[in-house]
Amino acid sequence: KDKATKLMLDVHNKGRAVVSSGSREEMERDVQAMHGYGLWATLQQDRD
């Protein structure tokens, strides 16, 4: 619940939040899952 609150506040205040990280395949699956719940999600490569 604490993590969800932090992410919600990040989205509210900054307009975005990193909710997951990993391999491209894993992230594509996570994005699709979020879309399935009616959430807006995008995939972006890490800025090293």
C-alpha atoms as a PDB file:
ATOM      1  CA  LYS A   1       0.000   0.000   0.000  1.00  0.00           C
ATOM      2  CA  ASP A   2       2.857   2.422   0.772  1.00  0.00           C
ATOM      3  CA  LYS A   3       4.408   1.777  -2.659  1.00  0.00           C
ATOM      4  CA  ALA A   4       1.063   2.338  -4.384  1.00  0.00           C
ATOM      5  CA  THR A   5       0.628   5.641  -2.548  1.00  0.00           C
ATOM      6  CA  LYS A   6       4.140   6.784  -3.521  1.00  0.00           C
ATOM      7  CA  LEU A   7       3.556   5.870  -7.176  1.00  0.00           C
ATOM      8  CA  MET A   8       0.188   7.629  -7.185  1.00  0.00           C
ATOM      9  CA  LEU A   9       1.751  10.783  -5.745  1.00  0.00           C
ATOM     10  CA  ASP A  10       4.624  10.648  -8.272  1.00  0.00           C
ATOM     11  CA  VAL A  11       2.131  10.462 -11.129  1.00  0.00           C
ATOM     12  CA  HIS A  12       0.052  13.267  -9.627  1.00  0.00           C
ATOM     13  CA  ASN A  13       3.013  15.576  -8.954  1.00  0.00           C
ATOM     14  CA  LYS A  14       5.474  14.664 -11.740  1.00  0.00           C
ATOM     15  CA  GLY A  15       3.134  13.311 -14.396  1.00  0.00           C
ATOM     16  CA  ARG A  16       4.811   9.893 -14.439  1.00  0.00           C
ATOM     17  CA  ALA A  17       6.304   7.144 -12.294  1.00  0.00           C
ATOM     18  CA  VAL A  18       8.519   4.115 -12.871  1.00  0.00           C
ATOM     19  CA  VAL A  19       6.462   1.148 -11.733  1.00  0.00           C
ATOM     20  CA  SER A  20       8.496  -1.745 -13.107  1.00  0.00           C
ATOM     21  CA  SER A  21      11.904  -2.530 -14.587  1.00  0.00           C
ATOM     22  CA  GLY A  22      13.520  -5.559 -16.175  1.00  0.00           C
ATOM     23  CA  SER A  23      13.996  -7.183 -19.554  1.00  0.00           C
ATOM     24  CA  ARG A  24      12.116  -5.833 -22.559  1.00  0.00           C
ATOM     25  CA  GLU A  25       9.974  -8.977 -22.709  1.00  0.00           C
ATOM     26  CA  GLU A  26       8.982  -8.637 -19.033  1.00  0.00           C
ATOM     27  CA  MET A  27       8.194  -4.947 -19.433  1.00  0.00           C
ATOM     28  CA  GLU A  28       6.060  -5.515 -22.531  1.00  0.00           C
ATOM     29  CA  ARG A  29       4.066  -8.061 -20.517  1.00  0.00           C
ATOM     30  CA  ASP A  30       3.693  -5.594 -17.614  1.00  0.00           C
ATOM     31  CA  VAL A  31       2.547  -2.796 -19.950  1.00  0.00           C
ATOM     32  CA  GLN A  32      -0.073  -5.087 -21.493  1.00  0.00           C
ATOM     33  CA  ALA A  33      -1.271  -6.089 -18.020  1.00  0.00           C
ATOM     34  CA  MET A  34      -1.644  -2.439 -16.998  1.00  0.00           C
ATOM     35  CA  HIS A  35      -3.542  -1.701 -20.207  1.00  0.00           C
ATOM     36  CA  GLY A  36      -5.820  -4.618 -19.322  1.00  0.00           C
ATOM     37  CA  TYR A  37      -6.720  -2.797 -16.090  1.00  0.00           C
ATOM     38  CA  GLY A  38      -7.477   0.406 -17.993  1.00  0.00           C
ATOM     39  CA  LEU A  39      -4.228   2.100 -16.949  1.00  0.00           C
ATOM     40  CA  TRP A  40      -2.080   4.156 -19.292  1.00  0.00           C
ATOM     41  CA  ALA A  41       1.460   2.743 -19.475  1.00  0.00           C
ATOM     42  CA  THR A  42       4.413   3.182 -21.803  1.00  0.00           C
ATOM     43  CA  LEU A  43       7.689   1.363 -22.239  1.00  0.00           C
ATOM     44  CA  GLN A  44      10.886   3.403 -22.120  1.00  0.00           C
ATOM     45  CA  GLN A  45      14.532   2.388 -22.202  1.00  0.00           C
ATOM     46  CA  ASP A  46      16.625   3.287 -19.152  1.00  0.00           C
ATOM     47  CA  ARG A  47      18.734   6.429 -19.472  1.00  0.00           C
ATOM     48  CA  ASP A  48      22.182   5.240 -18.397  1.00  0.00           C
END
